[in-house]
Structures are given as C-alpha cells and as structure tokens.
Amino acid sequence: MFRTLEIPFPTPHLATAALRALSVDEELSPLVRRSFSVVASPSDSDSQTIFRIDYAATTNRMLRVAVNGFFESLGVVISVMKDLDTDVLDGPVMESLEKVQGLQNVAV
C-alpha cells in the first residue's frame, strides 16, 4: 500500500520547520516506511511550498494507523506555529527579559 500526502505551507521556512519537527519520530512499526520532502508548489497555484510525505505499508490497516498518528503530530506542529506566529521571532523585543528563568546576564 502506498500513499502520498501533500500539505501546503505559505513559506518554505514553515514547511521545512514542520519537516524537521516531524522527522525526529521514527515509525513504530518496521512494516511502515515514510519519507519527507519539501517541494515548490506547481506554478499555476498560489506561491506556497508543499510538505510531501510518502508512505509505504504492508497492509491498509498499518497505513491507516501510521497516517492517523502523523496527522495528530502535524496538528500539534501547526498549532504551535499558529500560536507563536512567525513574525514574533523577527521583531524587536518589546518587553524586558529581566528575571526570565534560564537567561544569564551577559555583558555586551
């Protein structure tokens, strides 16, 4: 059984971030194989980037279980992206970082 999933992302950066976040978890079953790639969307569509996942499994059931688990993980990744918003990381810091746990004072 084979299945290809194509998830559109608005930027290559977000598609690559999803790939990196999701590729660390290996498939639990040796009967399921998957591979990830990031590809440009077709020229006739919006300027999006496609996160492509290719699955191969020995049975329909194994494929369904693997894809369902993947979509749960993908939902978490997209939710974090949405909550953090990409422009938050690019802008200047507007609040003091004083007393933030884990930060040490560094002389500049």
PDB file of N, CA and C in Angstrom:
ATOM      1  N   MET A   1       0.832  -1.165   0.000  1.00  0.00           N
ATOM      2  CA  MET A   1       0.000   0.000   0.000  1.00  0.00           C
ATOM      3  C   MET A   1       0.886   1.240   0.000  1.00  0.00           C
ATOM      4  N   PHE A   2       0.552   2.184  -0.852  1.00  0.00           N
ATOM      5  CA  PHE A   2       1.307   3.427  -0.946  1.00  0.00           C
ATOM      6  C   PHE A   2       0.363   4.613  -0.806  1.00  0.00           C
ATOM      7  N   ARG A   3       0.861   5.678  -0.215  1.00  0.00           N
ATOM      8  CA  ARG A   3       0.067   6.906  -0.090  1.00  0.00           C
ATOM      9  C   ARG A   3       1.031   8.088  -0.040  1.00  0.00           C
ATOM     10  N   THR A   4       0.702   9.129  -0.782  1.00  0.00           N
ATOM     11  CA  THR A   4       1.461  10.371  -0.731  1.00  0.00           C
ATOM     12  C   THR A   4       0.551  11.456  -0.192  1.00  0.00           C
ATOM     13  N   LEU A   5       1.037  12.152   0.826  1.00  0.00           N
ATOM     14  CA  LEU A   5       0.311  13.277   1.400  1.00  0.00           C
ATOM     15  C   LEU A   5       1.035  14.547   0.986  1.00  0.00           C
ATOM     16  N   GLU A   6       0.287  15.569   0.629  1.00  0.00           N
ATOM     17  CA  GLU A   6       0.874  16.860   0.279  1.00  0.00           C
ATOM     18  C   GLU A   6       0.195  17.939   1.113  1.00  0.00           C
ATOM     19  N   ILE A   7       0.986  18.567   1.987  1.00  0.00           N
ATOM     20  CA  ILE A   7       0.478  19.581   2.897  1.00  0.00           C
ATOM     21  C   ILE A   7       1.046  20.931   2.457  1.00  0.00           C
ATOM     22  N   PRO A   8       0.183  21.880   2.048  1.00  0.00           N
ATOM     23  CA  PRO A   8       0.705  23.190   1.633  1.00  0.00           C
ATOM     24  C   PRO A   8       1.033  24.078   2.834  1.00  0.00           C
ATOM     25  N   PHE A   9       2.155  24.775   2.734  1.00  0.00           N
ATOM     26  CA  PHE A   9       2.563  25.766   3.723  1.00  0.00           C
ATOM     27  C   PHE A   9       2.800  27.082   2.998  1.00  0.00           C
ATOM     28  N   PRO A  10       2.568  28.206   3.670  1.00  0.00           N
ATOM     29  CA  PRO A  10       2.713  29.502   2.990  1.00  0.00           C
ATOM     30  C   PRO A  10       4.150  29.874   2.648  1.00  0.00           C
ATOM     31  N   THR A  11       5.133  29.305   3.367  1.00  0.00           N
ATOM     32  CA  THR A  11       6.532  29.642   3.101  1.00  0.00           C
ATOM     33  C   THR A  11       7.395  28.386   3.161  1.00  0.00           C
ATOM     34  N   PRO A  12       8.531  28.401   2.472  1.00  0.00           N
ATOM     35  CA  PRO A  12       9.464  27.271   2.583  1.00  0.00           C
ATOM     36  C   PRO A  12       9.985  27.093   4.008  1.00  0.00           C
ATOM     37  N   HIS A  13      10.155  28.211   4.722  1.00  0.00           N
ATOM     38  CA  HIS A  13      10.645  28.138   6.103  1.00  0.00           C
ATOM     39  C   HIS A  13       9.698  27.309   6.982  1.00  0.00           C
ATOM     40  N   LEU A  14       8.398  27.549   6.882  1.00  0.00           N
ATOM     41  CA  LEU A  14       7.433  26.810   7.706  1.00  0.00           C
ATOM     42  C   LEU A  14       7.365  25.342   7.295  1.00  0.00           C
ATOM     43  N   ALA A  15       7.420  25.077   5.995  1.00  0.00           N
ATOM     44  CA  ALA A  15       7.390  23.688   5.524  1.00  0.00           C
ATOM     45  C   ALA A  15       8.617  22.933   6.026  1.00  0.00           C
ATOM     46  N   THR A  16       9.767  23.565   5.976  1.00  0.00           N
ATOM     47  CA  THR A  16      10.999  22.935   6.451  1.00  0.00           C
ATOM     48  C   THR A  16      10.970  22.746   7.960  1.00  0.00           C
ATOM     49  N   ALA A  17      10.410  23.702   8.680  1.00  0.00           N
ATOM     50  CA  ALA A  17      10.292  23.571  10.140  1.00  0.00           C
ATOM     51  C   ALA A  17       9.409  22.379  10.488  1.00  0.00           C
ATOM     52  N   ALA A  18       8.310  22.195   9.762  1.00  0.00           N
ATOM     53  CA  ALA A  18       7.436  21.042  10.003  1.00  0.00           C
ATOM     54  C   ALA A  18       8.177  19.743   9.701  1.00  0.00           C
ATOM     55  N   LEU A  19       8.905  19.716   8.600  1.00  0.00           N
ATOM     56  CA  LEU A  19       9.680  18.529   8.239  1.00  0.00           C
ATOM     57  C   LEU A  19      10.666  18.186   9.346  1.00  0.00           C
ATOM     58  N   ARG A  20      11.397  19.186   9.823  1.00  0.00           N
ATOM     59  CA  ARG A  20      12.400  18.944  10.858  1.00  0.00           C
ATOM     60  C   ARG A  20      11.764  18.481  12.167  1.00  0.00           C
ATOM     61  N   ALA A  21      10.630  19.057  12.519  1.00  0.00           N
ATOM     62  CA  ALA A  21       9.965  18.681  13.769  1.00  0.00           C
ATOM     63  C   ALA A  21       9.409  17.264  13.709  1.00  0.00           C
ATOM     64  N   LEU A  22       8.878  16.884  12.558  1.00  0.00           N
ATOM     65  CA  LEU A  22       8.212  15.582  12.446  1.00  0.00           C
ATOM     66  C   LEU A  22       9.150  14.444  12.063  1.00  0.00           C
ATOM     67  N   SER A  23      10.298  14.750  11.516  1.00  0.00           N
ATOM     68  CA  SER A  23      11.196  13.685  11.070  1.00  0.00           C
ATOM     69  C   SER A  23      11.966  13.023  12.204  1.00  0.00           C
ATOM     70  N   VAL A  24      11.949  13.610  13.387  1.00  0.00           N
ATOM     71  CA  VAL A  24      12.692  13.016  14.501  1.00  0.00           C
ATOM     72  C   VAL A  24      12.016  11.755  15.034  1.00  0.00           C
ATOM     73  N   ASP A  25      10.713  11.635  14.841  1.00  0.00           N
ATOM     74  CA  ASP A  25       9.989  10.450  15.318  1.00  0.00           C
ATOM     75  C   ASP A  25       9.965   9.390  14.224  1.00  0.00           C
ATOM     76  N   GLU A  26      10.609   8.269  14.495  1.00  0.00           N
ATOM     77  CA  GLU A  26      10.603   7.178  13.537  1.00  0.00           C
ATOM     78  C   GLU A  26       9.277   6.426  13.623  1.00  0.00           C
ATOM     79  N   GLU A  27       8.948   5.744  12.550  1.00  0.00           N
ATOM     80  CA  GLU A  27       7.756   4.898  12.562  1.00  0.00           C
ATOM     81  C   GLU A  27       7.957   3.782  13.585  1.00  0.00           C
ATOM     82  N   LEU A  28       6.901   3.465  14.314  1.00  0.00           N
ATOM     83  CA  LEU A  28       6.995   2.434  15.350  1.00  0.00           C
ATOM     84  C   LEU A  28       7.064   1.038  14.756  1.00  0.00           C
ATOM     85  N   SER A  29       6.439   0.846  13.622  1.00  0.00           N
ATOM     86  CA  SER A  29       6.381  -0.476  13.009  1.00  0.00           C
ATOM     87  C   SER A  29       7.402  -0.600  11.881  1.00  0.00           C
ATOM     88  N   PRO A  30       8.117  -1.715  11.835  1.00  0.00           N
ATOM     89  CA  PRO A  30       9.031  -1.940  10.709  1.00  0.00           C
ATOM     90  C   PRO A  30       8.268  -2.231   9.409  1.00  0.00           C
ATOM     91  N   LEU A  31       6.948  -2.391   9.507  1.00  0.00           N
ATOM     92  CA  LEU A  31       6.126  -2.670   8.330  1.00  0.00           C
ATOM     93  C   LEU A  31       5.682  -1.401   7.617  1.00  0.00           C
ATOM     94  N   VAL A  32       6.083  -0.236   8.158  1.00  0.00           N
ATOM     95  CA  VAL A  32       5.702   1.049   7.567  1.00  0.00           C
ATOM     96  C   VAL A  32       6.976   1.842   7.291  1.00  0.00           C
ATOM     97  N   ARG A  33       7.053   2.408   6.105  1.00  0.00           N
ATOM     98  CA  ARG A  33       8.170   3.280   5.718  1.00  0.00           C
ATOM     99  C   ARG A  33       7.605   4.622   5.283  1.00  0.00           C
ATOM    100  N   ARG A  34       8.324   5.689   5.593  1.00  0.00           N
ATOM    101  CA  ARG A  34       7.904   7.007   5.136  1.00  0.00           C
ATOM    102  C   ARG A  34       9.126   7.847   4.816  1.00  0.00           C
ATOM    103  N   SER A  35       8.931   8.807   3.940  1.00  0.00           N
ATOM    104  CA  SER A  35       9.991   9.760   3.619  1.00  0.00           C
ATOM    105  C   SER A  35       9.372  11.138   3.483  1.00  0.00           C
ATOM    106  N   PHE A  36      10.142  12.152   3.839  1.00  0.00           N
ATOM    107  CA  PHE A  36       9.681  13.536   3.806  1.00  0.00           C
ATOM    108  C   PHE A  36      10.455  14.310   2.750  1.00  0.00           C
ATOM    109  N   SER A  37       9.795  15.300   2.165  1.00  0.00           N
ATOM    110  CA  SER A  37      10.478  16.236   1.275  1.00  0.00           C
ATOM    111  C   SER A  37       9.686  17.536   1.237  1.00  0.00           C
ATOM    112  N   VAL A  38      10.365  18.600   0.855  1.00  0.00           N
ATOM    113  CA  VAL A  38       9.737  19.907   0.683  1.00  0.00           C
ATOM    114  C   VAL A  38       9.920  20.268  -0.788  1.00  0.00           C
ATOM    115  N   VAL A  39       8.810  20.569  -1.458  1.00  0.00           N
ATOM    116  CA  VAL A  39       8.866  20.874  -2.888  1.00  0.00           C
ATOM    117  C   VAL A  39       8.106  22.163  -3.172  1.00  0.00           C
ATOM    118  N   ALA A  40       8.483  22.817  -4.246  1.00  0.00           N
ATOM    119  CA  ALA A  40       7.768  24.027  -4.659  1.00  0.00           C
ATOM    120  C   ALA A  40       6.409  23.625  -5.198  1.00  0.00           C
ATOM    121  N   SER A  41       5.420  24.476  -4.974  1.00  0.00           N
ATOM    122  CA  SER A  41       4.081  24.192  -5.489  1.00  0.00           C
ATOM    123  C   SER A  41       4.079  24.390  -6.996  1.00  0.00           C
ATOM    124  N   PRO A  42       3.119  23.788  -7.682  1.00  0.00           N
ATOM    125  CA  PRO A  42       3.012  23.994  -9.126  1.00  0.00           C
ATOM    126  C   PRO A  42       2.873  25.488  -9.442  1.00  0.00           C
ATOM    127  N   SER A  43       3.384  25.895 -10.573  1.00  0.00           N
ATOM    128  CA  SER A  43       3.418  27.319 -10.912  1.00  0.00           C
ATOM    129  C   SER A  43       2.034  27.928 -11.104  1.00  0.00           C
ATOM    130  N   ASP A  44       1.022  27.113 -11.372  1.00  0.00           N
ATOM    131  CA  ASP A  44      -0.312  27.664 -11.596  1.00  0.00           C
ATOM    132  C   ASP A  44      -1.090  27.916 -10.306  1.00  0.00           C
ATOM    133  N   SER A  45      -0.525  27.554  -9.156  1.00  0.00           N
ATOM    134  CA  SER A  45      -1.221  27.775  -7.885  1.00  0.00           C
ATOM    135  C   SER A  45      -0.567  28.917  -7.118  1.00  0.00           C
ATOM    136  N   ASP A  46      -1.077  29.162  -5.923  1.00  0.00           N
ATOM    137  CA  ASP A  46      -0.515  30.212  -5.071  1.00  0.00           C
ATOM    138  C   ASP A  46       0.949  29.920  -4.769  1.00  0.00           C
ATOM    139  N   SER A  47       1.646  30.924  -4.326  1.00  0.00           N
ATOM    140  CA  SER A  47       3.071  30.760  -4.009  1.00  0.00           C
ATOM    141  C   SER A  47       3.212  30.075  -2.650  1.00  0.00           C
ATOM    142  N   GLN A  48       2.940  28.787  -2.629  1.00  0.00           N
ATOM    143  CA  GLN A  48       3.064  28.004  -1.419  1.00  0.00           C
ATOM    144  C   GLN A  48       4.149  26.955  -1.619  1.00  0.00           C
ATOM    145  N   THR A  49       4.555  26.362  -0.532  1.00  0.00           N
ATOM    146  CA  THR A  49       5.514  25.277  -0.557  1.00  0.00           C
ATOM    147  C   THR A  49       4.806  24.027  -0.051  1.00  0.00           C
ATOM    148  N   ILE A  50       5.085  22.905  -0.673  1.00  0.00           N
ATOM    149  CA  ILE A  50       4.424  21.654  -0.332  1.00  0.00           C
ATOM    150  C   ILE A  50       5.347  20.800   0.533  1.00  0.00           C
ATOM    151  N   PHE A  51       4.817  20.362   1.661  1.00  0.00           N
ATOM    152  CA  PHE A  51       5.486  19.381   2.513  1.00  0.00           C
ATOM    153  C   PHE A  51       4.927  18.029   2.090  1.00  0.00           C
ATOM    154  N   ARG A  52       5.766  17.200   1.478  1.00  0.00           N
ATOM    155  CA  ARG A  52       5.310  15.919   0.917  1.00  0.00           C
ATOM    156  C   ARG A  52       5.786  14.767   1.798  1.00  0.00           C
ATOM    157  N   ILE A  53       4.857  13.849   2.070  1.00  0.00           N
ATOM    158  CA  ILE A  53       5.161  12.670   2.858  1.00  0.00           C
ATOM    159  C   ILE A  53       4.757  11.458   2.036  1.00  0.00           C
ATOM    160  N   ASP A  54       5.703  10.567   1.776  1.00  0.00           N
ATOM    161  CA  ASP A  54       5.433   9.339   1.026  1.00  0.00           C
ATOM    162  C   ASP A  54       5.437   8.170   2.001  1.00  0.00           C
ATOM    163  N   TYR A  55       4.330   7.441   2.019  1.00  0.00           N
ATOM    164  CA  TYR A  55       4.176   6.289   2.896  1.00  0.00           C
ATOM    165  C   TYR A  55       4.139   5.007   2.084  1.00  0.00           C
ATOM    166  N   ALA A  56       4.695   3.948   2.653  1.00  0.00           N
ATOM    167  CA  ALA A  56       4.563   2.597   2.127  1.00  0.00           C
ATOM    168  C   ALA A  56       4.327   1.685   3.326  1.00  0.00           C
ATOM    169  N   ALA A  57       3.314   0.826   3.236  1.00  0.00           N
ATOM    170  CA  ALA A  57       2.989  -0.084   4.340  1.00  0.00           C
ATOM    171  C   ALA A  57       2.577  -1.427   3.765  1.00  0.00           C
ATOM    172  N   THR A  58       2.674  -2.457   4.582  1.00  0.00           N
ATOM    173  CA  THR A  58       2.339  -3.796   4.104  1.00  0.00           C
ATOM    174  C   THR A  58       0.835  -4.049   4.042  1.00  0.00           C
ATOM    175  N   THR A  59       0.065  -3.341   4.879  1.00  0.00           N
ATOM    176  CA  THR A  59      -1.395  -3.524   4.872  1.00  0.00           C
ATOM    177  C   THR A  59      -2.089  -2.167   4.942  1.00  0.00           C
ATOM    178  N   ASN A  60      -3.341  -2.165   4.539  1.00  0.00           N
ATOM    179  CA  ASN A  60      -4.140  -0.939   4.644  1.00  0.00           C
ATOM    180  C   ASN A  60      -4.253  -0.480   6.088  1.00  0.00           C
ATOM    181  N   ARG A  61      -4.420  -1.418   6.993  1.00  0.00           N
ATOM    182  CA  ARG A  61      -4.561  -1.057   8.412  1.00  0.00           C
ATOM    183  C   ARG A  61      -3.307  -0.373   8.928  1.00  0.00           C
ATOM    184  N   MET A  62      -2.136  -0.923   8.612  1.00  0.00           N
ATOM    185  CA  MET A  62      -0.880  -0.317   9.067  1.00  0.00           C
ATOM    186  C   MET A  62      -0.723   1.086   8.472  1.00  0.00           C
ATOM    187  N   LEU A  63      -1.121   1.258   7.223  1.00  0.00           N
ATOM    188  CA  LEU A  63      -1.046   2.569   6.585  1.00  0.00           C
ATOM    189  C   LEU A  63      -1.985   3.554   7.276  1.00  0.00           C
ATOM    190  N   ARG A  64      -3.208   3.119   7.561  1.00  0.00           N
ATOM    191  CA  ARG A  64      -4.183   3.991   8.223  1.00  0.00           C
ATOM    192  C   ARG A  64      -3.704   4.412   9.606  1.00  0.00           C
ATOM    193  N   VAL A  65      -3.189   3.481  10.388  1.00  0.00           N
ATOM    194  CA  VAL A  65      -2.706   3.800  11.732  1.00  0.00           C
ATOM    195  C   VAL A  65      -1.540   4.785  11.667  1.00  0.00           C
ATOM    196  N   ALA A  66      -0.619   4.566  10.739  1.00  0.00           N
ATOM    197  CA  ALA A  66       0.542   5.444  10.608  1.00  0.00           C
ATOM    198  C   ALA A  66       0.126   6.848  10.180  1.00  0.00           C
ATOM    199  N   VAL A  67      -0.767   6.947   9.214  1.00  0.00           N
ATOM    200  CA  VAL A  67      -1.203   8.255   8.726  1.00  0.00           C
ATOM    201  C   VAL A  67      -2.005   8.992   9.799  1.00  0.00           C
ATOM    202  N   ASN A  68      -2.856   8.280  10.520  1.00  0.00           N
ATOM    203  CA  ASN A  68      -3.605   8.921  11.610  1.00  0.00           C
ATOM    204  C   ASN A  68      -2.660   9.496  12.664  1.00  0.00           C
ATOM    205  N   GLY A  69      -1.657   8.737  13.048  1.00  0.00           N
ATOM    206  CA  GLY A  69      -0.682   9.220  14.026  1.00  0.00           C
ATOM    207  C   GLY A  69       0.086  10.426  13.501  1.00  0.00           C
ATOM    208  N   PHE A  70       0.415  10.389  12.217  1.00  0.00           N
ATOM    209  CA  PHE A  70       1.119  11.515  11.618  1.00  0.00           C
ATOM    210  C   PHE A  70       0.271  12.780  11.670  1.00  0.00           C
ATOM    211  N   PHE A  71      -1.020  12.660  11.333  1.00  0.00           N
ATOM    212  CA  PHE A  71      -1.889  13.839  11.339  1.00  0.00           C
ATOM    213  C   PHE A  71      -2.066  14.412  12.745  1.00  0.00           C
ATOM    214  N   GLU A  72      -2.062  13.570  13.755  1.00  0.00           N
ATOM    215  CA  GLU A  72      -2.113  14.085  15.129  1.00  0.00           C
ATOM    216  C   GLU A  72      -0.869  14.914  15.429  1.00  0.00           C
ATOM    217  N   SER A  73       0.291  14.404  15.058  1.00  0.00           N
ATOM    218  CA  SER A  73       1.537  15.133  15.291  1.00  0.00           C
ATOM    219  C   SER A  73       1.595  16.409  14.453  1.00  0.00           C
ATOM    220  N   LEU A  74       1.152  16.339  13.219  1.00  0.00           N
ATOM    221  CA  LEU A  74       1.128  17.509  12.351  1.00  0.00           C
ATOM    222  C   LEU A  74       0.221  18.591  12.940  1.00  0.00           C
ATOM    223  N   GLY A  75      -0.895  18.194  13.514  1.00  0.00           N
ATOM    224  CA  GLY A  75      -1.801  19.151  14.144  1.00  0.00           C
ATOM    225  C   GLY A  75      -1.125  19.908  15.277  1.00  0.00           C
ATOM    226  N   VAL A  76      -0.319  19.209  16.062  1.00  0.00           N
ATOM    227  CA  VAL A  76       0.409  19.862  17.151  1.00  0.00           C
ATOM    228  C   VAL A  76       1.422  20.858  16.582  1.00  0.00           C
ATOM    229  N   VAL A  77       2.153  20.454  15.552  1.00  0.00           N
ATOM    230  CA  VAL A  77       3.166  21.337  14.955  1.00  0.00           C
ATOM    231  C   VAL A  77       2.514  22.591  14.384  1.00  0.00           C
ATOM    232  N   ILE A  78       1.424  22.436  13.659  1.00  0.00           N
ATOM    233  CA  ILE A  78       0.750  23.587  13.066  1.00  0.00           C
ATOM    234  C   ILE A  78       0.160  24.484  14.148  1.00  0.00           C
ATOM    235  N   SER A  79      -0.366  23.896  15.208  1.00  0.00           N
ATOM    236  CA  SER A  79      -0.910  24.687  16.311  1.00  0.00           C
ATOM    237  C   SER A  79       0.172  25.537  16.966  1.00  0.00           C
ATOM    238  N   VAL A  80       1.350  24.957  17.161  1.00  0.00           N
ATOM    239  CA  VAL A  80       2.466  25.715  17.748  1.00  0.00           C
ATOM    240  C   VAL A  80       2.885  26.836  16.802  1.00  0.00           C
ATOM    241  N   MET A  81       2.957  26.550  15.508  1.00  0.00           N
ATOM    242  CA  MET A  81       3.302  27.589  14.535  1.00  0.00           C
ATOM    243  C   MET A  81       2.295  28.731  14.584  1.00  0.00           C
ATOM    244  N   LYS A  82       1.037  28.379  14.656  1.00  0.00           N
ATOM    245  CA  LYS A  82      -0.024  29.392  14.695  1.00  0.00           C
ATOM    246  C   LYS A  82       0.056  30.224  15.968  1.00  0.00           C
ATOM    247  N   ASP A  83       0.271  29.553  17.099  1.00  0.00           N
ATOM    248  CA  ASP A  83       0.316  30.259  18.378  1.00  0.00           C
ATOM    249  C   ASP A  83       1.549  31.152  18.501  1.00  0.00           C
ATOM    250  N   LEU A  84       2.671  30.717  17.974  1.00  0.00           N
ATOM    251  CA  LEU A  84       3.889  31.510  18.090  1.00  0.00           C
ATOM    252  C   LEU A  84       3.981  32.579  17.021  1.00  0.00           C
ATOM    253  N   ASP A  85       3.368  32.352  15.881  1.00  0.00           N
ATOM    254  CA  ASP A  85       3.373  33.277  14.755  1.00  0.00           C
ATOM    255  C   ASP A  85       4.805  33.586  14.320  1.00  0.00           C
ATOM    256  N   THR A  86       5.051  33.520  13.047  1.00  0.00           N
ATOM    257  CA  THR A  86       6.419  33.657  12.537  1.00  0.00           C
ATOM    258  C   THR A  86       7.001  35.043  12.738  1.00  0.00           C
ATOM    259  N   ASP A  87       6.191  36.093  12.700  1.00  0.00           N
ATOM    260  CA  ASP A  87       6.761  37.433  12.825  1.00  0.00           C
ATOM    261  C   ASP A  87       7.171  37.773  14.249  1.00  0.00           C
ATOM    262  N   VAL A  88       6.769  36.971  15.217  1.00  0.00           N
ATOM    263  CA  VAL A  88       7.170  37.211  16.602  1.00  0.00           C
ATOM    264  C   VAL A  88       8.679  37.070  16.745  1.00  0.00           C
ATOM    265  N   LEU A  89       9.265  36.122  16.038  1.00  0.00           N
ATOM    266  CA  LEU A  89      10.692  35.875  16.164  1.00  0.00           C
ATOM    267  C   LEU A  89      11.537  36.914  15.439  1.00  0.00           C
ATOM    268  N   ASP A  90      10.971  37.592  14.455  1.00  0.00           N
ATOM    269  CA  ASP A  90      11.726  38.536  13.653  1.00  0.00           C
ATOM    270  C   ASP A  90      11.752  39.946  14.235  1.00  0.00           C
ATOM    271  N   GLY A  91      10.771  40.296  15.035  1.00  0.00           N
ATOM    272  CA  GLY A  91      10.657  41.665  15.529  1.00  0.00           C
ATOM    273  C   GLY A  91      11.545  41.936  16.717  1.00  0.00           C
ATOM    274  N   PRO A  92      11.688  43.212  17.071  1.00  0.00           N
ATOM    275  CA  PRO A  92      12.488  43.569  18.244  1.00  0.00           C
ATOM    276  C   PRO A  92      11.772  43.149  19.532  1.00  0.00           C
ATOM    277  N   VAL A  93      12.536  42.924  20.568  1.00  0.00           N
ATOM    278  CA  VAL A  93      11.977  42.554  21.867  1.00  0.00           C
ATOM    279  C   VAL A  93      11.355  43.796  22.478  1.00  0.00           C
ATOM    280  N   MET A  94      10.087  43.715  22.838  1.00  0.00           N
ATOM    281  CA  MET A  94       9.357  44.868  23.356  1.00  0.00           C
ATOM    282  C   MET A  94       9.276  44.862  24.884  1.00  0.00           C
ATOM    283  N   GLU A  95       9.569  43.725  25.500  1.00  0.00           N
ATOM    284  CA  GLU A  95       9.469  43.629  26.948  1.00  0.00           C
ATOM    285  C   GLU A  95      10.840  43.317  27.534  1.00  0.00           C
ATOM    286  N   SER A  96      11.003  43.635  28.796  1.00  0.00           N
ATOM    287  CA  SER A  96      12.256  43.347  29.479  1.00  0.00           C
ATOM    288  C   SER A  96      12.409  41.842  29.674  1.00  0.00           C
ATOM    289  N   LEU A  97      13.628  41.371  29.549  1.00  0.00           N
ATOM    290  CA  LEU A  97      13.906  39.960  29.788  1.00  0.00           C
ATOM    291  C   LEU A  97      14.467  39.731  31.192  1.00  0.00           C
ATOM    292  N   GLU A  98      14.391  40.762  32.018  1.00  0.00           N
ATOM    293  CA  GLU A  98      14.881  40.663  33.380  1.00  0.00           C
ATOM    294  C   GLU A  98      14.097  39.605  34.138  1.00  0.00           C
ATOM    295  N   LYS A  99      14.816  38.775  34.868  1.00  0.00           N
ATOM    296  CA  LYS A  99      14.259  37.711  35.706  1.00  0.00           C
ATOM    297  C   LYS A  99      13.629  36.572  34.907  1.00  0.00           C
ATOM    298  N   VAL A 100      13.961  36.453  33.630  1.00  0.00           N
ATOM    299  CA  VAL A 100      13.475  35.325  32.842  1.00  0.00           C
ATOM    300  C   VAL A 100      14.295  34.109  33.210  1.00  0.00           C
ATOM    301  N   GLN A 101      13.630  33.044  33.566  1.00  0.00           N
ATOM    302  CA  GLN A 101      14.298  31.844  34.001  1.00  0.00           C
ATOM    303  C   GLN A 101      15.173  31.294  32.883  1.00  0.00           C
ATOM    304  N   GLY A 102      16.410  30.918  33.209  1.00  0.00           N
ATOM    305  CA  GLY A 102      17.314  30.311  32.244  1.00  0.00           C
ATOM    306  C   GLY A 102      18.221  31.302  31.541  1.00  0.00           C
ATOM    307  N   LEU A 103      17.937  32.598  31.624  1.00  0.00           N
ATOM    308  CA  LEU A 103      18.810  33.587  30.992  1.00  0.00           C
ATOM    309  C   LEU A 103      19.849  34.065  31.995  1.00  0.00           C
ATOM    310  N   GLN A 104      21.044  34.231  31.500  1.00  0.00           N
ATOM    311  CA  GLN A 104      22.111  34.753  32.334  1.00  0.00           C
ATOM    312  C   GLN A 104      22.480  36.126  31.824  1.00  0.00           C
ATOM    313  N   ASN A 105      22.900  36.999  32.743  1.00  0.00           N
ATOM    314  CA  ASN A 105      23.340  38.332  32.328  1.00  0.00           C
ATOM    315  C   ASN A 105      24.645  38.197  31.556  1.00  0.00           C
ATOM    316  N   VAL A 106      24.659  38.779  30.368  1.00  0.00           N
ATOM    317  CA  VAL A 106      25.851  38.736  29.529  1.00  0.00           C
ATOM    318  C   VAL A 106      26.247  40.178  29.244  1.00  0.00           C
ATOM    319  N   ALA A 107      27.484  40.510  29.529  1.00  0.00           N
ATOM    320  CA  ALA A 107      27.976  41.859  29.243  1.00  0.00           C
ATOM    321  C   ALA A 107      28.196  41.989  27.747  1.00  0.00           C
ATOM    322  N   VAL A 108      27.689  43.072  27.178  1.00  0.00           N
ATOM    323  CA  VAL A 108      27.856  43.290  25.749  1.00  0.00           C
ATOM    324  C   VAL A 108      28.900  44.347  25.504  1.00  0.00           C
TER     325      VAL A 108
END
